[in-house]
Amino acid sequence: MFPEYRDLITRLKASDPHFLRLFDKHNDLDQKIKNMESFAEPSTPMQIETMKKQKLALKDELYQILRKTDGAA
């Protein structure tokens, strides 16, 4: 996710607890969705769709933080 911001992501994960929480939550949702889609975890299509929307919202929030921080650097 966001390879152009790899260094900034590393710095923010170490220095910004809010960013780290969002990043970890995004990754947790991503893994859970993969497990559900591969039938490793029980789910319904509605649950998967809801989680994908949550993951996208987190990704958007992370991207806004990255753009704001990158512009301030």
C-alpha atoms as a PDB file:
ATOM      1  CA  MET A   1       0.000   0.000   0.000  1.00  0.00           C
ATOM      2  CA  PHE A   2       1.373   3.384  -1.089  1.00  0.00           C
ATOM      3  CA  PRO A   3       4.893   2.305  -2.115  1.00  0.00           C
ATOM      4  CA  GLU A   4       5.754   5.935  -2.906  1.00  0.00           C
ATOM      5  CA  TYR A   5       5.318   6.714   0.800  1.00  0.00           C
ATOM      6  CA  ARG A   6       7.223   3.721   2.187  1.00  0.00           C
ATOM      7  CA  ASP A   7       9.776   5.799   4.144  1.00  0.00           C
ATOM      8  CA  LEU A   8       7.140   8.195   5.456  1.00  0.00           C
ATOM      9  CA  ILE A   9       4.932   5.288   6.560  1.00  0.00           C
ATOM     10  CA  THR A  10       7.853   3.811   8.486  1.00  0.00           C
ATOM     11  CA  ARG A  11       8.503   7.138  10.213  1.00  0.00           C
ATOM     12  CA  LEU A  12       4.839   7.738  11.033  1.00  0.00           C
ATOM     13  CA  LYS A  13       4.375   4.224  12.410  1.00  0.00           C
ATOM     14  CA  ALA A  14       7.238   4.950  14.814  1.00  0.00           C
ATOM     15  CA  SER A  15       6.206   8.483  15.778  1.00  0.00           C
ATOM     16  CA  ASP A  16       2.406   8.768  15.445  1.00  0.00           C
ATOM     17  CA  PRO A  17       0.308   6.400  17.588  1.00  0.00           C
ATOM     18  CA  HIS A  18      -2.911   7.368  15.762  1.00  0.00           C
ATOM     19  CA  PHE A  19      -1.375   6.550  12.369  1.00  0.00           C
ATOM     20  CA  LEU A  20      -0.056   3.249  13.731  1.00  0.00           C
ATOM     21  CA  ARG A  21      -3.514   2.276  15.054  1.00  0.00           C
ATOM     22  CA  LEU A  22      -5.135   3.075  11.695  1.00  0.00           C
ATOM     23  CA  PHE A  23      -2.416   1.218   9.795  1.00  0.00           C
ATOM     24  CA  ASP A  24      -2.705  -1.875  12.009  1.00  0.00           C
ATOM     25  CA  LYS A  25      -6.502  -1.850  11.844  1.00  0.00           C
ATOM     26  CA  HIS A  26      -6.325  -1.638   8.022  1.00  0.00           C
ATOM     27  CA  ASN A  27      -3.943  -4.594   7.890  1.00  0.00           C
ATOM     28  CA  ASP A  28      -6.071  -6.607  10.336  1.00  0.00           C
ATOM     29  CA  LEU A  29      -9.186  -6.005   8.228  1.00  0.00           C
ATOM     30  CA  ASP A  30      -7.288  -6.930   5.065  1.00  0.00           C
ATOM     31  CA  GLN A  31      -6.219 -10.257   6.563  1.00  0.00           C
ATOM     32  CA  LYS A  32      -9.688 -10.998   7.935  1.00  0.00           C
ATOM     33  CA  ILE A  33     -11.254 -10.272   4.528  1.00  0.00           C
ATOM     34  CA  LYS A  34      -8.761 -12.591   2.826  1.00  0.00           C
ATOM     35  CA  ASN A  35      -9.571 -15.323   5.344  1.00  0.00           C
ATOM     36  CA  MET A  36     -13.297 -14.866   4.808  1.00  0.00           C
ATOM     37  CA  GLU A  37     -12.991 -14.862   1.022  1.00  0.00           C
ATOM     38  CA  SER A  38     -10.959 -18.067   1.145  1.00  0.00           C
ATOM     39  CA  PHE A  39     -13.548 -19.626   3.481  1.00  0.00           C
ATOM     40  CA  ALA A  40     -11.014 -19.960   6.316  1.00  0.00           C
ATOM     41  CA  GLU A  41     -13.436 -17.932   8.461  1.00  0.00           C
ATOM     42  CA  PRO A  42     -17.221 -18.083   8.326  1.00  0.00           C
ATOM     43  CA  SER A  43     -18.900 -15.012   6.862  1.00  0.00           C
ATOM     44  CA  THR A  44     -21.637 -13.698   4.660  1.00  0.00           C
ATOM     45  CA  PRO A  45     -21.193 -11.599   1.516  1.00  0.00           C
ATOM     46  CA  MET A  46     -22.731  -8.676   3.429  1.00  0.00           C
ATOM     47  CA  GLN A  47     -20.110  -8.951   6.201  1.00  0.00           C
ATOM     48  CA  ILE A  48     -17.297  -9.029   3.669  1.00  0.00           C
ATOM     49  CA  GLU A  49     -18.714  -6.013   1.809  1.00  0.00           C
ATOM     50  CA  THR A  50     -19.052  -4.048   5.067  1.00  0.00           C
ATOM     51  CA  MET A  51     -15.478  -4.848   6.037  1.00  0.00           C
ATOM     52  CA  LYS A  52     -14.206  -3.829   2.598  1.00  0.00           C
ATOM     53  CA  LYS A  53     -15.908  -0.455   3.008  1.00  0.00           C
ATOM     54  CA  GLN A  54     -14.334  -0.021   6.445  1.00  0.00           C
ATOM     55  CA  LYS A  55     -10.932  -0.932   5.021  1.00  0.00           C
ATOM     56  CA  LEU A  56     -11.339   1.565   2.184  1.00  0.00           C
ATOM     57  CA  ALA A  57     -12.296   4.318   4.639  1.00  0.00           C
ATOM     58  CA  LEU A  58      -9.172   3.560   6.677  1.00  0.00           C
ATOM     59  CA  LYS A  59      -7.040   3.605   3.528  1.00  0.00           C
ATOM     60  CA  ASP A  60      -8.482   7.002   2.591  1.00  0.00           C
ATOM     61  CA  GLU A  61      -7.730   8.351   6.061  1.00  0.00           C
ATOM     62  CA  LEU A  62      -4.183   6.998   5.957  1.00  0.00           C
ATOM     63  CA  TYR A  63      -3.648   8.548   2.526  1.00  0.00           C
ATOM     64  CA  GLN A  64      -4.860  11.941   3.744  1.00  0.00           C
ATOM     65  CA  ILE A  65      -2.418  11.799   6.655  1.00  0.00           C
ATOM     66  CA  LEU A  66       0.409  10.821   4.306  1.00  0.00           C
ATOM     67  CA  ARG A  67      -0.354  13.644   1.858  1.00  0.00           C
ATOM     68  CA  LYS A  68      -0.685  16.202   4.654  1.00  0.00           C
ATOM     69  CA  THR A  69       2.549  15.065   6.322  1.00  0.00           C
ATOM     70  CA  ASP A  70       4.442  14.817   3.028  1.00  0.00           C
ATOM     71  CA  GLY A  71       3.362  18.336   2.080  1.00  0.00           C
ATOM     72  CA  ALA A  72       4.550  19.655   5.434  1.00  0.00           C
ATOM     73  CA  ALA A  73       8.000  18.093   5.054  1.00  0.00           C
END
